[in-house]
Amino acid sequence: MFYSLGMLSADDLTLLQFEASAPRAPGAKEEAIRATFGISPVRYYQRLNLIIDTPEAMKIHPTLVSRLRRRAGKID
């Protein structure tokens, strides 16, 4: 999926909310990703990395998106 300004889907918003409250224990998050979204953790992180580059994501979850962008080496 390609993203334009203001184009986050309901699934994208759900993914952001999940990331904000996801389990922190190793393995538990990966299991929760599969159970919640039915996708692999690799695909989850690919989508998440696209989402955090959108201005809308920054408006909705600024602290979370800033933290994720720093962790991904995407300096604002």
Protein backbone atom coordinates (compact mmCIF):
# COMPACT_ATOMS: atom_id res chain seq x y z
CA MET A 1 0.00 0.00 0.00
CA PHE A 2 1.24 3.47 -0.85
CA TYR A 3 0.43 6.33 1.47
CA SER A 4 -0.60 9.88 0.67
CA LEU A 5 -1.30 12.74 3.02
CA GLY A 6 -4.24 11.97 5.27
CA MET A 7 -4.72 8.46 3.97
CA LEU A 8 -4.34 6.13 6.96
CA SER A 9 -6.86 3.31 6.90
CA ALA A 10 -8.73 1.89 9.87
CA ASP A 11 -6.30 -1.06 9.78
CA ASP A 12 -3.35 1.33 9.95
CA LEU A 13 -4.85 3.07 12.96
CA THR A 14 -5.43 -0.31 14.62
CA LEU A 15 -1.80 -1.23 13.96
CA LEU A 16 -0.59 2.01 15.56
CA GLN A 17 -2.78 1.44 18.60
CA PHE A 18 -1.52 -2.13 18.87
CA GLU A 19 2.08 -0.92 18.75
CA ALA A 20 1.34 1.52 21.57
CA SER A 21 0.09 -1.26 23.83
CA ALA A 22 1.83 -4.37 22.49
CA PRO A 23 3.48 -6.90 24.82
CA ARG A 24 7.16 -6.15 25.43
CA ALA A 25 8.33 -9.69 26.21
CA PRO A 26 10.40 -11.39 23.50
CA GLY A 27 8.23 -13.75 21.50
CA ALA A 28 4.99 -12.52 23.04
CA LYS A 29 4.74 -9.57 20.66
CA GLU A 30 5.38 -11.76 17.62
CA GLU A 31 2.65 -14.17 18.73
CA ALA A 32 0.27 -11.27 19.35
CA ILE A 33 1.00 -9.86 15.88
CA ARG A 34 0.12 -13.19 14.25
CA ALA A 35 -3.00 -13.65 16.39
CA THR A 36 -4.26 -10.08 15.99
CA PHE A 37 -3.45 -9.32 12.36
CA GLY A 38 -2.88 -12.71 10.77
CA ILE A 39 0.40 -11.55 9.24
CA SER A 40 4.05 -12.29 9.91
CA PRO A 41 6.06 -9.98 12.18
CA VAL A 42 8.19 -9.02 9.15
CA ARG A 43 5.13 -7.84 7.23
CA TYR A 44 3.88 -6.03 10.36
CA TYR A 45 7.11 -4.06 10.69
CA GLN A 46 7.13 -3.27 6.97
CA ARG A 47 3.65 -1.75 7.30
CA LEU A 48 4.56 0.02 10.52
CA ASN A 49 7.61 1.62 8.90
CA LEU A 50 5.44 2.96 6.07
CA ILE A 51 2.82 4.26 8.48
CA ILE A 52 5.28 6.15 10.72
CA ASP A 53 6.41 8.18 7.71
CA THR A 54 2.96 9.76 7.31
CA PRO A 55 2.08 13.16 8.75
CA GLU A 56 -1.29 11.79 9.86
CA ALA A 57 0.37 9.15 12.05
CA MET A 58 2.48 11.86 13.67
CA LYS A 59 -0.66 13.89 14.39
CA ILE A 60 -2.50 10.94 15.92
CA HIS A 61 0.32 9.39 18.01
CA PRO A 62 3.19 11.93 18.13
CA THR A 63 5.12 10.39 21.01
CA LEU A 64 4.85 6.84 19.68
CA VAL A 65 5.70 7.82 16.10
CA SER A 66 8.68 9.93 17.21
CA ARG A 67 10.03 7.03 19.28
CA LEU A 68 9.56 4.57 16.41
CA ARG A 69 11.19 6.94 13.90
CA ARG A 70 14.21 7.39 16.20
CA ARG A 71 14.49 3.64 16.67
CA ALA A 72 14.35 3.15 12.89
CA GLY A 73 17.06 5.78 12.36
CA LYS A 74 14.65 8.18 10.69
CA ILE A 75 15.72 11.52 12.08
CA ASP A 76 13.05 14.26 12.05
